[in-house]
Amino acid sequence: MSPRLDESRTDQATSTLPPDPRIDVDTSGGVASGARTHDASGHTDFPEGLEGLPEIPPYDEVAPLDARALSKTLFERLESLEEGTHEYAYVRNTLVELNLALVKFAASRFRSRSEPMEDIIQVGTIGLIKAIDRFELSRGVEFPTFAMPTIVGEIKRFFRDTSWSVRVPRRLQELRLDLAKAGDELAQQLDRAPTVGELAERLGISNDEVVEGMAASNAYTASSLDAQPEEDDSEGALADRIGYEDHGLEGIEYIESLKPLIAELPSRDRKILSLRFVANMTQSEIGDELGISQMHVSRLLSRTLVRLRKGLTVEE
């Protein structure tokens, strides 16, 4: 690349660089057609009002040091432009394109994650755009130094918000990471798995908080009920190995059907049913409670049960 990056482009300048249509990255991370074009001789055709900018070659051919020098020139021009104008958007988008290498470098640190690399780069690009909007040349900090924490932070926030199977509070997400780190360190020191008390002492938290963090870790990944077992596992899918048959479900329909029938009974008959089948009192105890004989209680209870049984039969 030409060493004259900080010099203005003149009409007599020549270039052998091939045309490189401008790709405009918007604030949502998407792409749209841009305005940077080249004329027949290979010169960059800048939008009106941006004359004097240095020649910008194809972005993938710009070396890191050259990109840094170009970015500094563009940041100086950006400060003199009014936000919301076409010229401001053009310079801002050019800065995004020039520094996409920072995003790709940051995204490479998360290559082992299950998310597609294209999605990680797109999220990192949002972080790059935020860094460009916040950057100030007057602070005397190099842009890559300023932008990298913002890019990495945006990617980490993406994984924190989307990679958990069940959403848990951020406090528990961070506690899970602390427990994993402390667990590895203690396991190496003790040559065994640490106890809850040892983890709590290492992190300076209570035993209950350690247990809560361990329980939250179960929400990070989830297995499908239809997941097939390992090849050497003779058991079936997970859905075939968990749960049990609840025989009490068979009586739910009868209970719901009995409710309106019981509501129609006289109050004394309802009380007898309650004392017999809820309080588990004997017929003699019910007779003493109501001031009637045990034989009378037996007749009233039998009559009530026959009535309820008939009511169920009619409904069926």
Protein backbone atom coordinates (compact mmCIF):
# COMPACT_ATOMS: atom_id res chain seq x y z
CA MET A 1 0.00 0.00 0.00
CA SER A 2 1.19 3.52 -0.66
CA PRO A 3 2.92 5.14 2.35
CA ARG A 4 1.18 8.45 1.60
CA LEU A 5 -1.93 7.54 3.63
CA ASP A 6 -2.19 10.90 5.33
CA GLU A 7 -1.95 12.89 2.09
CA SER A 8 -5.04 14.08 0.29
CA ARG A 9 -6.06 12.48 -2.97
CA THR A 10 -5.44 14.66 -6.03
CA ASP A 11 -7.08 14.52 -9.41
CA GLN A 12 -3.76 13.52 -10.95
CA ALA A 13 -3.35 10.49 -8.69
CA THR A 14 -3.48 7.12 -10.35
CA SER A 15 -4.32 3.74 -8.92
CA THR A 16 -4.10 0.19 -10.16
CA LEU A 17 -6.48 -1.11 -7.50
CA PRO A 18 -9.56 -2.97 -8.79
CA PRO A 19 -13.01 -1.57 -8.13
CA ASP A 20 -14.29 -2.40 -4.64
CA PRO A 21 -18.01 -1.55 -4.24
CA ARG A 22 -18.79 -0.07 -0.83
CA ILE A 23 -20.54 -2.31 1.68
CA ASP A 24 -22.43 -0.31 4.24
CA VAL A 25 -22.87 -1.88 7.67
CA ASP A 26 -25.82 -0.42 9.55
CA THR A 27 -26.29 -0.19 13.31
CA SER A 28 -28.29 -3.41 13.47
CA GLY A 29 -25.43 -5.45 12.11
CA GLY A 30 -26.96 -5.93 8.69
CA VAL A 31 -25.53 -4.86 5.36
CA ALA A 32 -26.84 -2.61 2.65
CA SER A 33 -25.43 -1.31 -0.58
CA GLY A 34 -23.17 1.70 -0.05
CA ALA A 35 -21.82 4.62 -1.97
CA ARG A 36 -18.07 4.04 -2.37
CA THR A 37 -17.31 3.33 -6.04
CA HIS A 38 -14.41 3.59 -8.46
CA ASP A 39 -14.27 5.29 -11.82
CA ALA A 40 -12.90 3.75 -15.00
CA SER A 41 -9.31 4.54 -14.03
CA GLY A 42 -9.64 2.93 -10.60
CA HIS A 43 -9.98 6.12 -8.57
CA THR A 44 -12.28 6.09 -5.57
CA ASP A 45 -15.34 8.24 -6.17
CA PHE A 46 -16.10 9.80 -2.77
CA PRO A 47 -19.52 11.31 -2.04
CA GLU A 48 -19.84 15.05 -2.55
CA GLY A 49 -18.45 16.94 0.43
CA LEU A 50 -15.81 14.35 1.28
CA GLU A 51 -13.14 15.35 -1.22
CA GLY A 52 -9.62 15.24 0.16
CA LEU A 53 -9.87 11.86 1.89
CA PRO A 54 -6.92 9.49 1.27
CA GLU A 55 -7.27 6.72 -1.30
CA ILE A 56 -8.92 3.70 0.30
CA PRO A 57 -8.03 0.33 -1.29
CA PRO A 58 -10.13 -2.85 -0.92
CA TYR A 59 -10.58 -3.43 2.79
CA ASP A 60 -9.22 -6.98 2.80
CA GLU A 61 -5.93 -5.68 1.36
CA VAL A 62 -5.32 -3.05 4.05
CA ALA A 63 -2.56 -4.00 6.49
CA PRO A 64 -3.20 -3.45 10.23
CA LEU A 65 -0.83 -0.47 10.49
CA ASP A 66 -2.33 1.11 7.38
CA ALA A 67 -5.84 0.55 8.70
CA ARG A 68 -4.83 2.28 11.93
CA ALA A 69 -3.46 5.29 10.05
CA LEU A 70 -6.52 5.51 7.79
CA SER A 71 -8.83 5.20 10.78
CA LYS A 72 -7.12 8.09 12.53
CA THR A 73 -7.60 10.28 9.45
CA LEU A 74 -11.26 9.25 9.17
CA PHE A 75 -11.92 9.87 12.88
CA GLU A 76 -10.52 13.38 12.48
CA ARG A 77 -12.90 13.99 9.56
CA LEU A 78 -15.81 12.37 11.46
CA GLU A 79 -15.48 14.90 14.29
CA SER A 80 -15.96 17.74 11.82
CA LEU A 81 -19.14 16.29 10.27
CA GLU A 82 -22.69 16.64 11.49
CA GLU A 83 -24.25 13.44 12.77
CA GLY A 84 -27.14 12.23 10.66
CA THR A 85 -25.78 13.53 7.37
CA HIS A 86 -24.89 11.35 4.40
CA GLU A 87 -21.21 12.32 4.72
CA TYR A 88 -21.15 11.36 8.42
CA ALA A 89 -22.73 7.97 7.68
CA TYR A 90 -20.25 7.32 4.89
CA VAL A 91 -17.17 8.00 7.02
CA ARG A 92 -18.62 6.02 9.95
CA ASN A 93 -19.40 3.02 7.75
CA THR A 94 -15.94 3.18 6.19
CA LEU A 95 -14.45 3.01 9.68
CA VAL A 96 -16.54 -0.10 10.36
CA GLU A 97 -15.26 -1.80 7.21
CA LEU A 98 -11.64 -0.87 7.88
CA ASN A 99 -11.74 -2.35 11.38
CA LEU A 100 -13.68 -5.56 10.75
CA ALA A 101 -10.39 -7.41 11.23
CA LEU A 102 -10.69 -6.56 14.94
CA VAL A 103 -14.08 -8.28 15.04
CA LYS A 104 -12.78 -11.39 13.30
CA PHE A 105 -9.83 -11.56 15.69
CA ALA A 106 -12.12 -11.27 18.72
CA ALA A 107 -14.58 -13.79 17.28
CA SER A 108 -11.80 -16.35 16.78
CA ARG A 109 -11.53 -16.64 20.56
CA PHE A 110 -15.03 -18.14 20.61
CA ARG A 111 -14.52 -20.57 17.74
CA SER A 112 -15.14 -23.57 20.01
CA ARG A 113 -18.66 -22.41 20.86
CA SER A 114 -21.66 -24.04 19.21
CA GLU A 115 -22.91 -20.81 17.61
CA PRO A 116 -22.10 -20.24 13.89
CA MET A 117 -19.07 -18.01 13.35
CA GLU A 118 -21.15 -15.73 11.09
CA ASP A 119 -23.47 -14.94 13.99
CA ILE A 120 -20.56 -14.24 16.34
CA ILE A 121 -18.99 -11.87 13.82
CA GLN A 122 -22.30 -10.08 13.34
CA VAL A 123 -22.66 -9.56 17.10
CA GLY A 124 -19.04 -8.41 17.33
CA THR A 125 -19.71 -5.91 14.55
CA ILE A 126 -22.39 -4.32 16.70
CA GLY A 127 -19.76 -3.91 19.41
CA LEU A 128 -17.40 -2.33 16.86
CA ILE A 129 -20.08 0.18 15.84
CA LYS A 130 -20.67 1.10 19.49
CA ALA A 131 -16.93 1.60 19.97
CA ILE A 132 -16.74 3.88 16.92
CA ASP A 133 -19.61 6.01 18.23
CA ARG A 134 -17.92 6.40 21.64
CA PHE A 135 -14.32 6.89 20.50
CA GLU A 136 -12.64 10.26 20.99
CA LEU A 137 -9.25 11.07 19.47
CA SER A 138 -8.56 13.61 22.20
CA ARG A 139 -8.11 10.87 24.77
CA GLY A 140 -4.88 9.76 23.09
CA VAL A 141 -5.81 6.05 23.05
CA GLU A 142 -5.32 3.86 19.99
CA PHE A 143 -8.67 2.77 18.55
CA PRO A 144 -7.96 -1.01 18.61
CA THR A 145 -7.09 -0.75 22.31
CA PHE A 146 -10.32 1.12 22.96
CA ALA A 147 -12.56 -1.04 20.75
CA MET A 148 -11.49 -4.58 21.67
CA PRO A 149 -13.08 -4.68 25.17
CA THR A 150 -16.37 -3.40 23.71
CA ILE A 151 -16.35 -6.00 20.92
CA VAL A 152 -15.51 -8.88 23.25
CA GLY A 153 -18.06 -7.68 25.79
CA GLU A 154 -20.81 -7.63 23.16
CA ILE A 155 -19.98 -11.20 22.13
CA LYS A 156 -19.91 -12.40 25.74
CA ARG A 157 -23.25 -10.71 26.37
CA PHE A 158 -24.65 -12.56 23.36
CA PHE A 159 -23.59 -15.93 24.77
CA ARG A 160 -24.81 -15.02 28.24
CA ASP A 161 -28.28 -14.10 26.97
CA THR A 162 -28.80 -16.83 24.36
CA SER A 163 -26.79 -19.94 25.21
CA TRP A 164 -28.66 -20.93 28.40
CA SER A 165 -31.45 -23.47 27.91
CA VAL A 166 -33.43 -21.81 30.72
CA ARG A 167 -33.06 -18.11 31.48
CA VAL A 168 -31.54 -17.54 34.93
CA PRO A 169 -30.51 -14.29 36.65
CA ARG A 170 -27.15 -12.83 35.67
CA ARG A 171 -25.95 -13.28 39.25
CA LEU A 172 -26.34 -17.05 38.96
CA GLN A 173 -24.73 -17.10 35.52
CA GLU A 174 -21.63 -15.42 36.93
CA LEU A 175 -21.73 -17.65 40.03
CA ARG A 176 -21.67 -20.72 37.79
CA LEU A 177 -18.43 -19.53 36.19
CA ASP A 178 -16.88 -18.77 39.59
CA LEU A 179 -17.86 -22.21 40.90
CA ALA A 180 -16.40 -23.93 37.86
CA LYS A 181 -13.08 -22.08 38.22
CA ALA A 182 -12.88 -22.64 41.98
CA GLY A 183 -13.85 -26.29 41.56
CA ASP A 184 -11.02 -26.91 39.10
CA GLU A 185 -8.46 -25.18 41.33
CA LEU A 186 -9.53 -27.07 44.46
CA ALA A 187 -9.68 -30.39 42.63
CA GLN A 188 -6.03 -29.97 41.62
CA GLN A 189 -4.99 -29.01 45.15
CA LEU A 190 -7.01 -31.68 46.98
CA ASP A 191 -6.79 -34.43 44.34
CA ARG A 192 -10.54 -34.94 44.75
CA ALA A 193 -13.81 -33.13 44.10
CA PRO A 194 -14.29 -30.25 46.56
CA THR A 195 -17.19 -30.21 48.98
CA VAL A 196 -19.84 -27.52 49.18
CA GLY A 197 -18.20 -26.10 52.30
CA GLU A 198 -14.79 -25.90 50.64
CA LEU A 199 -16.24 -24.11 47.63
CA ALA A 200 -18.10 -21.68 49.88
CA GLU A 201 -14.91 -20.93 51.83
CA ARG A 202 -12.89 -20.36 48.63
CA LEU A 203 -15.46 -17.94 47.15
CA GLY A 204 -16.43 -16.30 50.45
CA ILE A 205 -20.12 -17.14 50.11
CA SER A 206 -22.61 -19.28 52.05
CA ASN A 207 -23.26 -22.98 51.49
CA ASP A 208 -26.79 -22.17 50.33
CA GLU A 209 -25.44 -19.89 47.61
CA VAL A 210 -23.09 -22.64 46.40
CA VAL A 211 -25.99 -25.10 46.20
CA GLU A 212 -28.08 -22.51 44.36
CA GLY A 213 -25.26 -21.95 41.85
CA MET A 214 -24.90 -25.69 41.28
CA ALA A 215 -28.62 -26.01 40.67
CA ALA A 216 -28.50 -23.10 38.19
CA SER A 217 -25.76 -24.89 36.25
CA ASN A 218 -28.30 -27.53 35.28
CA ALA A 219 -30.12 -24.88 33.23
CA TYR A 220 -27.14 -24.23 30.94
CA THR A 221 -27.77 -27.24 28.71
CA ALA A 222 -30.79 -29.46 28.26
CA SER A 223 -31.24 -32.90 26.74
CA SER A 224 -34.15 -33.80 24.52
CA LEU A 225 -36.56 -36.42 25.84
CA ASP A 226 -36.23 -38.11 22.45
CA ALA A 227 -32.43 -38.15 22.57
CA GLN A 228 -31.06 -41.57 21.75
CA PRO A 229 -28.68 -43.24 24.22
CA GLU A 230 -25.03 -44.01 23.59
CA GLU A 231 -24.21 -46.87 21.25
CA ASP A 232 -23.23 -49.17 24.13
CA ASP A 233 -26.36 -48.28 26.12
CA SER A 234 -29.08 -50.90 25.85
CA GLU A 235 -31.79 -48.63 27.31
CA GLY A 236 -34.17 -46.64 25.18
CA ALA A 237 -34.68 -42.90 24.85
CA LEU A 238 -34.76 -40.69 27.94
CA ALA A 239 -38.55 -40.39 27.76
CA ASP A 240 -38.80 -44.19 28.16
CA ARG A 241 -36.66 -44.16 31.31
CA ILE A 242 -38.19 -41.40 33.42
CA GLY A 243 -41.57 -40.87 35.01
CA TYR A 244 -44.08 -43.40 36.32
CA GLU A 245 -47.69 -44.34 35.83
CA ASP A 246 -49.92 -42.41 38.22
CA HIS A 247 -52.93 -44.60 38.93
CA GLY A 248 -54.55 -41.73 40.80
CA LEU A 249 -55.25 -40.05 37.45
CA GLU A 250 -58.00 -42.59 36.81
CA GLY A 251 -60.06 -41.18 39.68
CA ILE A 252 -59.86 -37.53 38.64
CA GLU A 253 -62.78 -37.84 36.24
CA TYR A 254 -64.97 -39.39 38.95
CA ILE A 255 -64.01 -36.74 41.47
CA GLU A 256 -64.91 -33.93 39.08
CA SER A 257 -68.20 -35.63 38.22
CA LEU A 258 -69.08 -36.11 41.90
CA LYS A 259 -68.64 -32.45 42.84
CA PRO A 260 -71.98 -31.19 41.44
CA LEU A 261 -73.80 -34.27 42.76
CA ILE A 262 -72.47 -33.77 46.29
CA ALA A 263 -73.41 -30.07 46.13
CA GLU A 264 -77.05 -31.09 45.59
CA LEU A 265 -77.17 -33.25 48.77
CA PRO A 266 -78.81 -32.03 52.00
CA SER A 267 -76.38 -30.44 54.43
CA ARG A 268 -76.59 -33.38 56.92
CA ASP A 269 -75.73 -35.92 54.21
CA ARG A 270 -72.79 -33.79 53.06
CA LYS A 271 -71.56 -33.56 56.68
CA ILE A 272 -71.79 -37.35 57.11
CA LEU A 273 -69.77 -37.88 53.92
CA SER A 274 -67.15 -35.42 55.11
CA LEU A 275 -66.84 -36.98 58.56
CA ARG A 276 -66.64 -40.50 57.13
CA PHE A 277 -64.32 -40.09 54.14
CA VAL A 278 -62.36 -36.92 55.00
CA ALA A 279 -62.09 -37.07 58.81
CA ASN A 280 -62.02 -40.93 58.73
CA MET A 281 -64.48 -41.16 61.64
CA THR A 282 -66.37 -44.38 62.37
CA GLN A 283 -70.15 -44.56 62.12
CA SER A 284 -70.41 -44.63 65.92
CA GLU A 285 -68.26 -41.51 66.22
CA ILE A 286 -70.38 -39.79 63.55
CA GLY A 287 -73.54 -40.74 65.49
CA ASP A 288 -72.14 -39.22 68.66
CA GLU A 289 -71.16 -36.10 66.73
CA LEU A 290 -74.65 -35.66 65.23
CA GLY A 291 -76.67 -37.00 68.15
CA ILE A 292 -78.15 -39.97 66.24
CA SER A 293 -77.67 -43.70 66.43
CA GLN A 294 -75.00 -45.65 64.58
CA MET A 295 -77.72 -47.56 62.71
CA HIS A 296 -79.28 -44.32 61.52
CA VAL A 297 -75.90 -43.11 60.30
CA SER A 298 -75.45 -46.39 58.38
CA ARG A 299 -78.82 -46.03 56.66
CA LEU A 300 -78.20 -42.36 55.74
CA LEU A 301 -74.71 -43.14 54.41
CA SER A 302 -75.92 -46.08 52.34
CA ARG A 303 -78.74 -44.00 50.86
CA THR A 304 -76.36 -41.18 49.96
CA LEU A 305 -73.84 -43.53 48.29
CA VAL A 306 -76.60 -45.16 46.22
CA ARG A 307 -77.79 -41.74 45.08
CA LEU A 308 -74.31 -40.68 44.07
CA ARG A 309 -73.67 -43.96 42.26
CA LYS A 310 -76.87 -43.58 40.26
CA GLY A 311 -75.95 -40.01 39.39
CA LEU A 312 -72.63 -41.13 37.98
CA THR A 313 -74.29 -43.92 35.98
CA VAL A 314 -76.82 -41.54 34.43
CA GLU A 315 -74.06 -39.09 33.40
CA GLU A 316 -72.03 -41.88 31.79
